[in-house]
C-alpha cells in the first residue's frame, strides 16, 4: 500500500476508509485489524467457517470471540525480536542470575514432596521441572498479560510468516474452552499465546497436559500437581531418557566441522561422536554415550569466544519445548545450579 493511502486509512474516522481498502483489495496485514473489527475481513470470515466446522463450537460464540479480538502491534514487535535471537553472552544473564537460582532452590524445596513424586512417576528430575518453570515464568510470577484471543488473532491474521501455525493454535484454543472450561475472553498468556506457569501453547495444552490432581480438569495456572505432571509428561512424550546425559563441551582444535553444526531451528541430531573424532575433534574418552549414537553439535558465542558443545538426546528433548539451543542450555544450567543448591541444603541438614 502506498504511503498516501495508508495515511488516509489510518487517519480517517469515516467508515468509508475501510470500505475503500476492501474495495481495492488492499487487505495487507494489520491495516484492517487496527480498526478493531476483524469481522470485516474475508480471510477471517473464512477462518470462522473452518473453526466452526472443526471444533463444533456454536457459530455465534466463535463470531463473538473473534469480534472481540484486538490487534496488538506490541505482539508483532515482540515476535520479531525474540530473546533467542541473541548470542549466548547476551542470553545467559537473563536466566542464569543469582536471584533466579536462589528462588529456584527455594521453589524446589517448597514443593519437594510433589516434585519427588513426579520424578518417581515420570523419570524427569525435579530440577529440570523447576528450571523449565523458572525460565518460562520465573516460577509462576510472570505468566503473560496478553489476552490469548488477542495474541492468537494478531499472529494468525496479521503475521503472514507463521499465520497458518497460529490460526491452528487459535482453533485449539477454541477447543480448550469446551475441554477445560476456559474463559476465552479472560484467559491471558504470552505474546505468542502460551499460557500458565509452564507456558504451553494451546496444541501442547491439549496433547500433553495432565490432570495431576484428579479433579477432572487440567489447570496449568493454579494446580501445581497438573503443572508439574504436565511438564514431565511433555518431556516423556518427546523421548526423555531417565538418567541419560544432556550435553558436554568439546574442543574443535583445527577441525573443519561447519557442515556438521546444528544452527537456527535445525536441531535434529545429525552426527556422531565417531564422526567428530574422525574430523579431529577432541572428544573425551569417557564420553557418556557410545560413539555411534546420534548427537548434535552446536556453538555458544560470548563476544569473540566461541564454545563447541555436543547435545545428547535429552538436550534435543529440551529443544522440543522451545526450539533453541540457547533455551535448552539455559534450562540445563539453571537445573544444575538448582540441583547443587538442593544438595548443599542436604549437606547442611546432615
C-alpha atoms as a PDB file:
ATOM      1  CA  UNK A   1       0.000   0.000   0.000  1.00  0.00           C
ATOM      2  CA  UNK A   2       1.348   3.453  -0.841  1.00  0.00           C
ATOM      3  CA  UNK A   3       2.000   5.953   1.944  1.00  0.00           C
ATOM      4  CA  UNK A   4      -0.789   8.321   0.954  1.00  0.00           C
ATOM      5  CA  UNK A   5      -3.458   5.629   1.089  1.00  0.00           C
ATOM      6  CA  UNK A   6      -2.074   4.198   4.334  1.00  0.00           C
ATOM      7  CA  UNK A   7      -2.246   7.630   5.923  1.00  0.00           C
ATOM      8  CA  UNK A   8      -5.784   8.112   4.692  1.00  0.00           C
ATOM      9  CA  UNK A   9      -6.983   4.789   6.087  1.00  0.00           C
ATOM     10  CA  UNK A  10      -5.354   5.336   9.467  1.00  0.00           C
ATOM     11  CA  UNK A  11      -6.361   8.966   9.750  1.00  0.00           C
ATOM     12  CA  UNK A  12      -9.961   8.834   8.563  1.00  0.00           C
ATOM     13  CA  UNK A  13     -12.729   8.495  11.100  1.00  0.00           C
ATOM     14  CA  UNK A  14     -15.214   7.539   8.420  1.00  0.00           C
ATOM     15  CA  UNK A  15     -16.406   4.019   7.701  1.00  0.00           C
ATOM     16  CA  UNK A  16     -15.616   4.798   4.080  1.00  0.00           C
ATOM     17  CA  UNK A  17     -11.919   4.243   4.787  1.00  0.00           C
ATOM     18  CA  UNK A  18     -12.494   0.564   5.460  1.00  0.00           C
ATOM     19  CA  UNK A  19     -14.819   0.288   2.507  1.00  0.00           C
ATOM     20  CA  UNK A  20     -12.219   1.834   0.197  1.00  0.00           C
ATOM     21  CA  UNK A  21      -9.484  -0.544   1.332  1.00  0.00           C
ATOM     22  CA  UNK A  22     -11.796  -3.524   0.938  1.00  0.00           C
ATOM     23  CA  UNK A  23     -12.942  -2.417  -2.490  1.00  0.00           C
ATOM     24  CA  UNK A  24      -9.371  -2.056  -3.701  1.00  0.00           C
ATOM     25  CA  UNK A  25      -8.409  -5.449  -2.272  1.00  0.00           C
ATOM     26  CA  UNK A  26      -5.709  -3.860  -0.143  1.00  0.00           C
ATOM     27  CA  UNK A  27      -6.003  -6.066   2.924  1.00  0.00           C
ATOM     28  CA  UNK A  28      -2.369  -6.016   3.938  1.00  0.00           C
ATOM     29  CA  UNK A  29      -1.563  -7.378   7.434  1.00  0.00           C
ATOM     30  CA  UNK A  30      -2.523  -5.051  10.239  1.00  0.00           C
ATOM     31  CA  UNK A  31      -4.451  -2.447   8.225  1.00  0.00           C
ATOM     32  CA  UNK A  32      -7.976  -3.573   8.992  1.00  0.00           C
ATOM     33  CA  UNK A  33      -7.034  -5.136  12.302  1.00  0.00           C
ATOM     34  CA  UNK A  34      -6.090  -1.749  13.716  1.00  0.00           C
ATOM     35  CA  UNK A  35      -9.738  -0.708  13.358  1.00  0.00           C
ATOM     36  CA  UNK A  36     -10.628  -3.399  15.916  1.00  0.00           C
ATOM     37  CA  UNK A  37     -13.014  -5.138  13.518  1.00  0.00           C
ATOM     38  CA  UNK A  38     -11.651  -8.452  12.288  1.00  0.00           C
ATOM     39  CA  UNK A  39     -15.146  -9.407  11.175  1.00  0.00           C
ATOM     40  CA  UNK A  40     -14.872  -7.133   8.120  1.00  0.00           C
ATOM     41  CA  UNK A  41     -12.155  -9.330   6.603  1.00  0.00           C
ATOM     42  CA  UNK A  42     -12.928 -12.127   4.176  1.00  0.00           C
ATOM     43  CA  UNK A  43      -9.976 -14.219   5.363  1.00  0.00           C
ATOM     44  CA  UNK A  44     -11.215 -14.007   8.937  1.00  0.00           C
ATOM     45  CA  UNK A  45     -14.753 -14.973   7.961  1.00  0.00           C
ATOM     46  CA  UNK A  46     -13.311 -17.987   6.122  1.00  0.00           C
ATOM     47  CA  UNK A  47     -11.398 -18.905   9.267  1.00  0.00           C
ATOM     48  CA  UNK A  48     -14.606 -18.746  11.308  1.00  0.00           C
ATOM     49  CA  UNK A  49     -16.224 -21.216   8.908  1.00  0.00           C
ATOM     50  CA  UNK A  50     -13.252 -23.528   9.376  1.00  0.00           C
ATOM     51  CA  UNK A  51     -13.209 -23.150  13.168  1.00  0.00           C
ATOM     52  CA  UNK A  52     -16.929 -23.913  13.476  1.00  0.00           C
ATOM     53  CA  UNK A  53     -16.591 -26.980  11.264  1.00  0.00           C
ATOM     54  CA  UNK A  54     -13.519 -28.333  13.072  1.00  0.00           C
ATOM     55  CA  UNK A  55     -14.457 -27.618  16.681  1.00  0.00           C
ATOM     56  CA  UNK A  56     -18.237 -27.907  16.655  1.00  0.00           C
ATOM     57  CA  UNK A  57     -18.429 -24.683  18.664  1.00  0.00           C
ATOM     58  CA  UNK A  58     -21.575 -22.593  18.096  1.00  0.00           C
ATOM     59  CA  UNK A  59     -21.041 -20.081  15.300  1.00  0.00           C
ATOM     60  CA  UNK A  60     -22.407 -17.216  17.364  1.00  0.00           C
ATOM     61  CA  UNK A  61     -19.806 -17.913  20.054  1.00  0.00           C
ATOM     62  CA  UNK A  62     -16.900 -18.079  17.606  1.00  0.00           C
ATOM     63  CA  UNK A  63     -18.043 -14.899  15.899  1.00  0.00           C
ATOM     64  CA  UNK A  64     -18.334 -13.131  19.252  1.00  0.00           C
ATOM     65  CA  UNK A  65     -14.854 -14.249  20.323  1.00  0.00           C
ATOM     66  CA  UNK A  66     -13.224 -13.212  17.066  1.00  0.00           C
ATOM     67  CA  UNK A  67     -15.126  -9.924  17.001  1.00  0.00           C
ATOM     68  CA  UNK A  68     -13.759  -9.168  20.468  1.00  0.00           C
ATOM     69  CA  UNK A  69     -10.156  -9.829  19.426  1.00  0.00           C
ATOM     70  CA  UNK A  70      -7.949  -6.765  19.192  1.00  0.00           C
ATOM     71  CA  UNK A  71      -4.858  -6.368  17.051  1.00  0.00           C
ATOM     72  CA  UNK A  72      -1.780  -5.740  19.199  1.00  0.00           C
ATOM     73  CA  UNK A  73       1.220  -4.166  17.485  1.00  0.00           C
ATOM     74  CA  UNK A  74       3.294  -4.935  20.597  1.00  0.00           C
ATOM     75  CA  UNK A  75       2.813  -8.626  19.862  1.00  0.00           C
ATOM     76  CA  UNK A  76       4.173  -8.261  16.334  1.00  0.00           C
ATOM     77  CA  UNK A  77       7.089  -6.257  17.690  1.00  0.00           C
ATOM     78  CA  UNK A  78       7.863  -8.921  20.315  1.00  0.00           C
ATOM     79  CA  UNK A  79       7.770 -11.906  17.998  1.00  0.00           C
ATOM     80  CA  UNK A  80      10.100 -10.244  15.517  1.00  0.00           C
ATOM     81  CA  UNK A  81      12.813  -9.756  18.150  1.00  0.00           C
ATOM     82  CA  UNK A  82      12.724 -12.837  20.414  1.00  0.00           C
ATOM     83  CA  UNK A  83      15.326 -13.390  23.115  1.00  0.00           C
ATOM     84  CA  UNK A  84      16.505 -16.477  21.235  1.00  0.00           C
ATOM     85  CA  UNK A  85      17.956 -14.244  18.505  1.00  0.00           C
ATOM     86  CA  UNK A  86      20.617 -13.062  20.966  1.00  0.00           C
ATOM     87  CA  UNK A  87      24.081 -14.526  21.437  1.00  0.00           C
ATOM     88  CA  UNK A  88      24.733 -16.789  24.411  1.00  0.00           C
ATOM     89  CA  UNK A  89      26.662 -13.966  26.046  1.00  0.00           C
ATOM     90  CA  UNK A  90      23.536 -11.788  25.852  1.00  0.00           C
ATOM     91  CA  UNK A  91      21.041 -14.552  26.636  1.00  0.00           C
ATOM     92  CA  UNK A  92      22.687 -16.194  29.631  1.00  0.00           C
ATOM     93  CA  UNK A  93      22.480 -13.177  32.011  1.00  0.00           C
ATOM     94  CA  UNK A  94      18.713 -13.065  31.523  1.00  0.00           C
ATOM     95  CA  UNK A  95      18.115 -16.504  33.019  1.00  0.00           C
ATOM     96  CA  UNK A  96      21.229 -17.525  34.965  1.00  0.00           C
ATOM     97  CA  UNK A  97      21.030 -14.890  37.682  1.00  0.00           C
ATOM     98  CA  UNK A  98      21.725 -15.345  41.369  1.00  0.00           C
ATOM     99  CA  UNK A  99      18.121 -14.398  42.146  1.00  0.00           C
ATOM    100  CA  UNK A 100      16.630 -16.912  39.738  1.00  0.00           C
ATOM    101  CA  UNK A 101      18.895 -19.664  41.063  1.00  0.00           C
ATOM    102  CA  UNK A 102      18.172 -18.881  44.723  1.00  0.00           C
ATOM    103  CA  UNK A 103      14.448 -18.717  44.133  1.00  0.00           C
ATOM    104  CA  UNK A 104      14.633 -21.927  42.099  1.00  0.00           C
ATOM    105  CA  UNK A 105      16.201 -23.724  45.047  1.00  0.00           C
ATOM    106  CA  UNK A 106      13.519 -22.286  47.344  1.00  0.00           C
ATOM    107  CA  UNK A 107      10.764 -23.275  44.894  1.00  0.00           C
ATOM    108  CA  UNK A 108      12.061 -26.853  44.628  1.00  0.00           C
ATOM    109  CA  UNK A 109      12.384 -27.021  48.408  1.00  0.00           C
ATOM    110  CA  UNK A 110       8.836 -25.742  48.940  1.00  0.00           C
ATOM    111  CA  UNK A 111       7.413 -28.349  46.556  1.00  0.00           C
ATOM    112  CA  UNK A 112       9.859 -31.130  47.437  1.00  0.00           C
ATOM    113  CA  UNK A 113       7.316 -33.883  48.120  1.00  0.00           C
ATOM    114  CA  UNK A 114       5.305 -33.277  44.965  1.00  0.00           C
ATOM    115  CA  UNK A 115       8.385 -32.920  42.752  1.00  0.00           C
ATOM    116  CA  UNK A 116       9.801 -36.140  44.208  1.00  0.00           C
ATOM    117  CA  UNK A 117       6.554 -37.935  43.392  1.00  0.00           C
ATOM    118  CA  UNK A 118       6.548 -36.579  39.831  1.00  0.00           C
ATOM    119  CA  UNK A 119      10.192 -37.566  39.353  1.00  0.00           C
ATOM    120  CA  UNK A 120       9.451 -41.068  40.609  1.00  0.00           C
ATOM    121  CA  UNK A 121       6.439 -41.401  38.295  1.00  0.00           C
ATOM    122  CA  UNK A 122       7.858 -39.894  35.099  1.00  0.00           C
ATOM    123  CA  UNK A 123      11.636 -40.147  35.473  1.00  0.00           C
ATOM    124  CA  UNK A 124      12.157 -36.440  34.857  1.00  0.00           C
ATOM    125  CA  UNK A 125      14.393 -34.827  37.512  1.00  0.00           C
ATOM    126  CA  UNK A 126      12.823 -32.300  39.847  1.00  0.00           C
ATOM    127  CA  UNK A 127      15.496 -29.755  38.953  1.00  0.00           C
ATOM    128  CA  UNK A 128      14.567 -29.949  35.250  1.00  0.00           C
ATOM    129  CA  UNK A 129      10.891 -29.287  36.014  1.00  0.00           C
ATOM    130  CA  UNK A 130      11.913 -26.444  38.308  1.00  0.00           C
ATOM    131  CA  UNK A 131      14.210 -24.961  35.659  1.00  0.00           C
ATOM    132  CA  UNK A 132      11.503 -25.073  32.988  1.00  0.00           C
ATOM    133  CA  UNK A 133       9.043 -23.041  35.062  1.00  0.00           C
ATOM    134  CA  UNK A 134      11.936 -20.878  36.230  1.00  0.00           C
ATOM    135  CA  UNK A 135      12.952 -19.914  32.708  1.00  0.00           C
ATOM    136  CA  UNK A 136       9.395 -19.723  31.389  1.00  0.00           C
ATOM    137  CA  UNK A 137       7.649 -17.677  34.068  1.00  0.00           C
ATOM    138  CA  UNK A 138      10.072 -17.070  36.966  1.00  0.00           C
ATOM    139  CA  UNK A 139       8.291 -19.814  38.935  1.00  0.00           C
ATOM    140  CA  UNK A 140       4.824 -18.567  38.048  1.00  0.00           C
ATOM    141  CA  UNK A 141       5.376 -14.872  38.691  1.00  0.00           C
ATOM    142  CA  UNK A 142       5.303 -13.762  35.044  1.00  0.00           C
ATOM    143  CA  UNK A 143       2.721 -15.749  33.075  1.00  0.00           C
ATOM    144  CA  UNK A 144       1.873 -13.081  30.492  1.00  0.00           C
ATOM    145  CA  UNK A 145      -0.503 -10.158  30.309  1.00  0.00           C
ATOM    146  CA  UNK A 146      -1.964 -10.512  26.819  1.00  0.00           C
ATOM    147  CA  UNK A 147      -5.412 -11.921  26.234  1.00  0.00           C
ATOM    148  CA  UNK A 148      -4.782 -15.192  24.436  1.00  0.00           C
ATOM    149  CA  UNK A 149      -7.524 -14.428  21.914  1.00  0.00           C
ATOM    150  CA  UNK A 150      -5.754 -11.165  21.027  1.00  0.00           C
ATOM    151  CA  UNK A 151      -2.342 -12.807  20.711  1.00  0.00           C
ATOM    152  CA  UNK A 152      -3.505 -15.672  18.511  1.00  0.00           C
ATOM    153  CA  UNK A 153      -5.712 -13.461  16.339  1.00  0.00           C
ATOM    154  CA  UNK A 154      -2.940 -10.918  15.845  1.00  0.00           C
ATOM    155  CA  UNK A 155      -0.411 -13.586  14.867  1.00  0.00           C
ATOM    156  CA  UNK A 156      -2.875 -15.751  12.985  1.00  0.00           C
ATOM    157  CA  UNK A 157      -4.327 -12.993  10.831  1.00  0.00           C
ATOM    158  CA  UNK A 158      -1.568 -10.371  10.715  1.00  0.00           C
ATOM    159  CA  UNK A 159       1.740 -12.244  10.831  1.00  0.00           C
ATOM    160  CA  UNK A 160       1.936 -14.000   7.449  1.00  0.00           C
ATOM    161  CA  UNK A 161       5.271 -15.658   8.174  1.00  0.00           C
ATOM    162  CA  UNK A 162       3.651 -18.026  10.689  1.00  0.00           C
ATOM    163  CA  UNK A 163      -0.010 -17.218  10.272  1.00  0.00           C
ATOM    164  CA  UNK A 164      -1.068 -20.761   9.465  1.00  0.00           C
ATOM    165  CA  UNK A 165       0.553 -22.084  12.640  1.00  0.00           C
ATOM    166  CA  UNK A 166      -1.131 -19.526  14.884  1.00  0.00           C
ATOM    167  CA  UNK A 167      -4.524 -19.990  13.242  1.00  0.00           C
ATOM    168  CA  UNK A 168      -4.150 -23.661  14.145  1.00  0.00           C
ATOM    169  CA  UNK A 169      -3.375 -22.636  17.717  1.00  0.00           C
ATOM    170  CA  UNK A 170      -6.464 -20.449  17.750  1.00  0.00           C
ATOM    171  CA  UNK A 171      -8.607 -23.429  16.735  1.00  0.00           C
ATOM    172  CA  UNK A 172      -7.056 -25.493  19.532  1.00  0.00           C
ATOM    173  CA  UNK A 173      -7.709 -22.647  21.956  1.00  0.00           C
ATOM    174  CA  UNK A 174     -11.368 -22.670  20.959  1.00  0.00           C
ATOM    175  CA  UNK A 175     -11.443 -26.426  21.612  1.00  0.00           C
ATOM    176  CA  UNK A 176      -9.985 -25.849  25.081  1.00  0.00           C
ATOM    177  CA  UNK A 177     -12.992 -23.738  26.004  1.00  0.00           C
ATOM    178  CA  UNK A 178     -15.123 -26.871  25.996  1.00  0.00           C
ATOM    179  CA  UNK A 179     -12.473 -29.363  27.089  1.00  0.00           C
ATOM    180  CA  UNK A 180     -11.100 -27.451  30.088  1.00  0.00           C
ATOM    181  CA  UNK A 181     -13.783 -24.867  30.807  1.00  0.00           C
ATOM    182  CA  UNK A 182     -11.515 -21.932  29.946  1.00  0.00           C
ATOM    183  CA  UNK A 183     -12.899 -18.426  29.816  1.00  0.00           C
ATOM    184  CA  UNK A 184     -11.800 -17.428  26.336  1.00  0.00           C
ATOM    185  CA  UNK A 185     -12.476 -13.763  26.996  1.00  0.00           C
ATOM    186  CA  UNK A 186     -10.321 -13.560  30.131  1.00  0.00           C
ATOM    187  CA  UNK A 187      -7.553 -16.132  29.639  1.00  0.00           C
ATOM    188  CA  UNK A 188      -4.171 -14.408  29.465  1.00  0.00           C
ATOM    189  CA  UNK A 189      -0.739 -15.544  28.385  1.00  0.00           C
ATOM    190  CA  UNK A 190       2.395 -14.598  26.490  1.00  0.00           C
ATOM    191  CA  UNK A 191       2.650 -12.632  23.268  1.00  0.00           C
ATOM    192  CA  UNK A 192       2.752 -15.996  21.460  1.00  0.00           C
ATOM    193  CA  UNK A 193      -0.388 -17.359  23.135  1.00  0.00           C
ATOM    194  CA  UNK A 194       1.399 -19.622  25.650  1.00  0.00           C
ATOM    195  CA  UNK A 195      -0.388 -19.996  28.974  1.00  0.00           C
ATOM    196  CA  UNK A 196       0.077 -20.816  32.620  1.00  0.00           C
ATOM    197  CA  UNK A 197       3.165 -21.486  34.694  1.00  0.00           C
ATOM    198  CA  UNK A 198       4.709 -23.857  32.098  1.00  0.00           C
ATOM    199  CA  UNK A 199       3.694 -21.675  29.119  1.00  0.00           C
ATOM    200  CA  UNK A 200       2.029 -24.350  26.986  1.00  0.00           C
ATOM    201  CA  UNK A 201       0.688 -23.245  23.626  1.00  0.00           C
ATOM    202  CA  UNK A 202      -2.876 -24.491  23.019  1.00  0.00           C
ATOM    203  CA  UNK A 203      -1.871 -27.558  20.974  1.00  0.00           C
ATOM    204  CA  UNK A 204       0.599 -28.632  23.679  1.00  0.00           C
ATOM    205  CA  UNK A 205      -2.039 -27.991  26.331  1.00  0.00           C
ATOM    206  CA  UNK A 206      -4.456 -30.291  24.535  1.00  0.00           C
ATOM    207  CA  UNK A 207      -1.967 -33.075  23.759  1.00  0.00           C
ATOM    208  CA  UNK A 208       0.423 -33.143  26.725  1.00  0.00           C
ATOM    209  CA  UNK A 209      -1.228 -31.547  29.754  1.00  0.00           C
ATOM    210  CA  UNK A 210      -2.116 -33.977  32.537  1.00  0.00           C
ATOM    211  CA  UNK A 211      -4.756 -33.945  35.269  1.00  0.00           C
ATOM    212  CA  UNK A 212      -2.289 -34.483  38.079  1.00  0.00           C
ATOM    213  CA  UNK A 213      -4.637 -33.773  40.980  1.00  0.00           C
ATOM    214  CA  UNK A 214      -7.513 -35.905  39.666  1.00  0.00           C
ATOM    215  CA  UNK A 215     -10.167 -33.180  39.724  1.00  0.00           C
ATOM    216  CA  UNK A 216     -11.242 -33.776  36.125  1.00  0.00           C
ATOM    217  CA  UNK A 217      -9.531 -30.661  34.736  1.00  0.00           C
ATOM    218  CA  UNK A 218      -6.036 -29.797  33.553  1.00  0.00           C
ATOM    219  CA  UNK A 219      -5.272 -26.468  35.171  1.00  0.00           C
ATOM    220  CA  UNK A 220      -1.921 -25.008  34.127  1.00  0.00           C
ATOM    221  CA  UNK A 221      -2.438 -21.777  36.043  1.00  0.00           C
ATOM    222  CA  UNK A 222      -3.171 -22.812  39.625  1.00  0.00           C
ATOM    223  CA  UNK A 223      -2.732 -26.572  40.123  1.00  0.00           C
ATOM    224  CA  UNK A 224       0.870 -27.457  40.974  1.00  0.00           C
ATOM    225  CA  UNK A 225       0.048 -31.142  40.502  1.00  0.00           C
ATOM    226  CA  UNK A 226      -1.231 -30.527  36.984  1.00  0.00           C
ATOM    227  CA  UNK A 227       1.634 -28.182  36.124  1.00  0.00           C
ATOM    228  CA  UNK A 228       4.491 -30.445  37.243  1.00  0.00           C
ATOM    229  CA  UNK A 229       2.934 -33.592  35.802  1.00  0.00           C
ATOM    230  CA  UNK A 230       2.267 -31.834  32.502  1.00  0.00           C
ATOM    231  CA  UNK A 231       5.867 -30.647  32.122  1.00  0.00           C
ATOM    232  CA  UNK A 232       7.155 -34.124  32.956  1.00  0.00           C
ATOM    233  CA  UNK A 233       4.697 -35.752  30.561  1.00  0.00           C
ATOM    234  CA  UNK A 234       5.754 -33.379  27.791  1.00  0.00           C
ATOM    235  CA  UNK A 235       9.350 -34.482  28.241  1.00  0.00           C
ATOM    236  CA  UNK A 236       8.488 -38.168  28.348  1.00  0.00           C
ATOM    237  CA  UNK A 237       6.315 -37.915  25.232  1.00  0.00           C
ATOM    238  CA  UNK A 238       9.222 -36.289  23.399  1.00  0.00           C
ATOM    239  CA  UNK A 239      11.664 -39.044  24.334  1.00  0.00           C
ATOM    240  CA  UNK A 240      13.314 -38.043  27.621  1.00  0.00           C
ATOM    241  CA  UNK A 241      15.708 -40.766  28.784  1.00  0.00           C
ATOM    242  CA  UNK A 242      15.853 -41.211  32.546  1.00  0.00           C
ATOM    243  CA  UNK A 243      19.392 -40.828  33.814  1.00  0.00           C
ATOM    244  CA  UNK A 244      20.823 -40.067  30.372  1.00  0.00           C
ATOM    245  CA  UNK A 245      23.313 -37.219  29.774  1.00  0.00           C
ATOM    246  CA  UNK A 246      22.331 -33.823  28.386  1.00  0.00           C
ATOM    247  CA  UNK A 247      25.341 -32.004  26.942  1.00  0.00           C
ATOM    248  CA  UNK A 248      29.133 -31.693  27.100  1.00  0.00           C
ATOM    249  CA  UNK A 249      31.779 -29.338  25.793  1.00  0.00           C
ATOM    250  CA  UNK A 250      34.315 -30.428  23.161  1.00  0.00           C
ATOM    251  CA  UNK A 251      37.432 -28.843  21.711  1.00  0.00           C
ATOM    252  CA  UNK A 252      37.437 -28.418  17.941  1.00  0.00           C
ATOM    253  CA  UNK A 253      41.131 -27.612  17.520  1.00  0.00           C
ATOM    254  CA  UNK A 254      41.610 -27.054  13.783  1.00  0.00           C
ATOM    255  CA  UNK A 255      38.847 -29.441  12.689  1.00  0.00           C
ATOM    256  CA  UNK A 256      36.507 -28.396   9.887  1.00  0.00           C
ATOM    257  CA  UNK A 257      33.032 -29.201  11.219  1.00  0.00           C
ATOM    258  CA  UNK A 258      30.883 -26.438   9.751  1.00  0.00           C
ATOM    259  CA  UNK A 259      28.790 -28.943   7.802  1.00  0.00           C
ATOM    260  CA  UNK A 260      28.027 -30.880  10.996  1.00  0.00           C
ATOM    261  CA  UNK A 261      26.810 -27.918  13.033  1.00  0.00           C
ATOM    262  CA  UNK A 262      23.198 -27.603  14.135  1.00  0.00           C
ATOM    263  CA  UNK A 263      22.147 -23.980  13.676  1.00  0.00           C
ATOM    264  CA  UNK A 264      18.919 -21.994  13.934  1.00  0.00           C
ATOM    265  CA  UNK A 265      15.928 -24.316  14.070  1.00  0.00           C
ATOM    266  CA  UNK A 266      17.917 -27.184  12.510  1.00  0.00           C
ATOM    267  CA  UNK A 267      18.236 -29.089  15.766  1.00  0.00           C
ATOM    268  CA  UNK A 268      17.778 -32.758  14.961  1.00  0.00           C
ATOM    269  CA  UNK A 269      20.889 -34.802  15.865  1.00  0.00           C
ATOM    270  CA  UNK A 270      22.808 -35.465  12.659  1.00  0.00           C
ATOM    271  CA  UNK A 271      26.325 -36.545  13.563  1.00  0.00           C
ATOM    272  CA  UNK A 272      28.037 -38.975  15.964  1.00  0.00           C
ATOM    273  CA  UNK A 273      30.983 -38.943  18.331  1.00  0.00           C
ATOM    274  CA  UNK A 274      32.878 -41.276  15.989  1.00  0.00           C
ATOM    275  CA  UNK A 275      32.436 -38.837  13.096  1.00  0.00           C
ATOM    276  CA  UNK A 276      33.612 -35.983  15.303  1.00  0.00           C
ATOM    277  CA  UNK A 277      36.690 -37.971  16.295  1.00  0.00           C
ATOM    278  CA  UNK A 278      37.417 -38.719  12.630  1.00  0.00           C
ATOM    279  CA  UNK A 279      37.270 -34.982  11.889  1.00  0.00           C
ATOM    280  CA  UNK A 280      39.847 -34.300  14.574  1.00  0.00           C
ATOM    281  CA  UNK A 281      37.539 -33.079  17.341  1.00  0.00           C
ATOM    282  CA  UNK A 282      38.866 -33.687  20.845  1.00  0.00           C
ATOM    283  CA  UNK A 283      36.098 -35.894  22.289  1.00  0.00           C
ATOM    284  CA  UNK A 284      36.714 -37.174  25.845  1.00  0.00           C
ATOM    285  CA  UNK A 285      37.494 -40.883  26.041  1.00  0.00           C
ATOM    286  CA  UNK A 286      34.959 -41.251  28.821  1.00  0.00           C
ATOM    287  CA  UNK A 287      32.109 -39.705  26.800  1.00  0.00           C
ATOM    288  CA  UNK A 288      28.755 -40.763  28.329  1.00  0.00           C
ATOM    289  CA  UNK A 289      27.318 -42.361  25.170  1.00  0.00           C
ATOM    290  CA  UNK A 290      28.676 -44.870  22.624  1.00  0.00           C
ATOM    291  CA  UNK A 291      30.500 -43.394  19.646  1.00  0.00           C
ATOM    292  CA  UNK A 292      27.769 -44.378  17.173  1.00  0.00           C
ATOM    293  CA  UNK A 293      24.946 -42.530  18.954  1.00  0.00           C
ATOM    294  CA  UNK A 294      23.484 -39.599  17.040  1.00  0.00           C
ATOM    295  CA  UNK A 295      24.256 -36.253  18.658  1.00  0.00           C
ATOM    296  CA  UNK A 296      24.024 -32.537  17.984  1.00  0.00           C
ATOM    297  CA  UNK A 297      26.992 -30.208  17.528  1.00  0.00           C
ATOM    298  CA  UNK A 298      26.388 -26.541  18.247  1.00  0.00           C
ATOM    299  CA  UNK A 299      28.171 -23.363  19.278  1.00  0.00           C
ATOM    300  CA  UNK A 300      27.681 -20.881  22.104  1.00  0.00           C
ATOM    301  CA  UNK A 301      29.090 -17.427  21.435  1.00  0.00           C
ATOM    302  CA  UNK A 302      30.089 -14.812  24.010  1.00  0.00           C
ATOM    303  CA  UNK A 303      31.781 -11.837  22.374  1.00  0.00           C
ATOM    304  CA  UNK A 304      34.794 -13.218  20.497  1.00  0.00           C
ATOM    305  CA  UNK A 305      34.704 -16.518  22.389  1.00  0.00           C
ATOM    306  CA  UNK A 306      33.094 -19.490  20.669  1.00  0.00           C
ATOM    307  CA  UNK A 307      32.487 -22.736  22.532  1.00  0.00           C
ATOM    308  CA  UNK A 308      31.567 -26.010  20.834  1.00  0.00           C
ATOM    309  CA  UNK A 309      29.171 -28.362  22.578  1.00  0.00           C
ATOM    310  CA  UNK A 310      27.656 -31.757  21.936  1.00  0.00           C
ATOM    311  CA  UNK A 311      23.990 -32.197  22.727  1.00  0.00           C
ATOM    312  CA  UNK A 312      22.697 -35.679  23.500  1.00  0.00           C
ATOM    313  CA  UNK A 313      19.133 -36.958  23.157  1.00  0.00           C
ATOM    314  CA  UNK A 314      17.930 -35.270  26.350  1.00  0.00           C
ATOM    315  CA  UNK A 315      19.292 -31.942  25.154  1.00  0.00           C
ATOM    316  CA  UNK A 316      17.311 -32.382  21.941  1.00  0.00           C
ATOM    317  CA  UNK A 317      14.215 -33.136  24.038  1.00  0.00           C
ATOM    318  CA  UNK A 318      14.602 -29.814  25.878  1.00  0.00           C
ATOM    319  CA  UNK A 319      14.719 -28.042  22.499  1.00  0.00           C
ATOM    320  CA  UNK A 320      11.303 -29.544  21.728  1.00  0.00           C
ATOM    321  CA  UNK A 321       9.937 -27.278  24.455  1.00  0.00           C
ATOM    322  CA  UNK A 322      11.495 -24.231  22.788  1.00  0.00           C
ATOM    323  CA  UNK A 323      13.384 -24.689  19.535  1.00  0.00           C
ATOM    324  CA  UNK A 324      16.614 -23.020  20.600  1.00  0.00           C
ATOM    325  CA  UNK A 325      19.998 -24.252  21.821  1.00  0.00           C
ATOM    326  CA  UNK A 326      20.209 -21.098  23.935  1.00  0.00           C
ATOM    327  CA  UNK A 327      16.982 -22.002  25.696  1.00  0.00           C
ATOM    328  CA  UNK A 328      17.976 -25.625  26.243  1.00  0.00           C
ATOM    329  CA  UNK A 329      21.383 -24.619  27.586  1.00  0.00           C
ATOM    330  CA  UNK A 330      19.823 -22.086  29.958  1.00  0.00           C
ATOM    331  CA  UNK A 331      17.366 -24.701  31.255  1.00  0.00           C
ATOM    332  CA  UNK A 332      20.119 -27.241  31.770  1.00  0.00           C
ATOM    333  CA  UNK A 333      22.490 -24.856  33.516  1.00  0.00           C
ATOM    334  CA  UNK A 334      19.714 -23.500  35.743  1.00  0.00           C
ATOM    335  CA  UNK A 335      18.729 -27.092  36.573  1.00  0.00           C
ATOM    336  CA  UNK A 336      22.314 -27.909  37.531  1.00  0.00           C
ATOM    337  CA  UNK A 337      22.510 -24.811  39.738  1.00  0.00           C
ATOM    338  CA  UNK A 338      19.224 -25.716  41.455  1.00  0.00           C
ATOM    339  CA  UNK A 339      20.409 -29.302  41.991  1.00  0.00           C
ATOM    340  CA  UNK A 340      23.650 -28.008  43.515  1.00  0.00           C
ATOM    341  CA  UNK A 341      21.684 -25.743  45.843  1.00  0.00           C
ATOM    342  CA  UNK A 342      19.456 -28.606  46.971  1.00  0.00           C
ATOM    343  CA  UNK A 343      22.498 -30.783  47.594  1.00  0.00           C
ATOM    344  CA  UNK A 344      24.061 -28.023  49.676  1.00  0.00           C
ATOM    345  CA  UNK A 345      20.833 -27.907  51.706  1.00  0.00           C
ATOM    346  CA  UNK A 346      21.058 -31.624  52.359  1.00  0.00           C
ATOM    347  CA  UNK A 347      24.672 -31.385  53.464  1.00  0.00           C
ATOM    348  CA  UNK A 348      23.878 -28.581  55.881  1.00  0.00           C
ATOM    349  CA  UNK A 349      20.927 -30.521  57.213  1.00  0.00           C
ATOM    350  CA  UNK A 350      23.096 -33.552  57.782  1.00  0.00           C
END
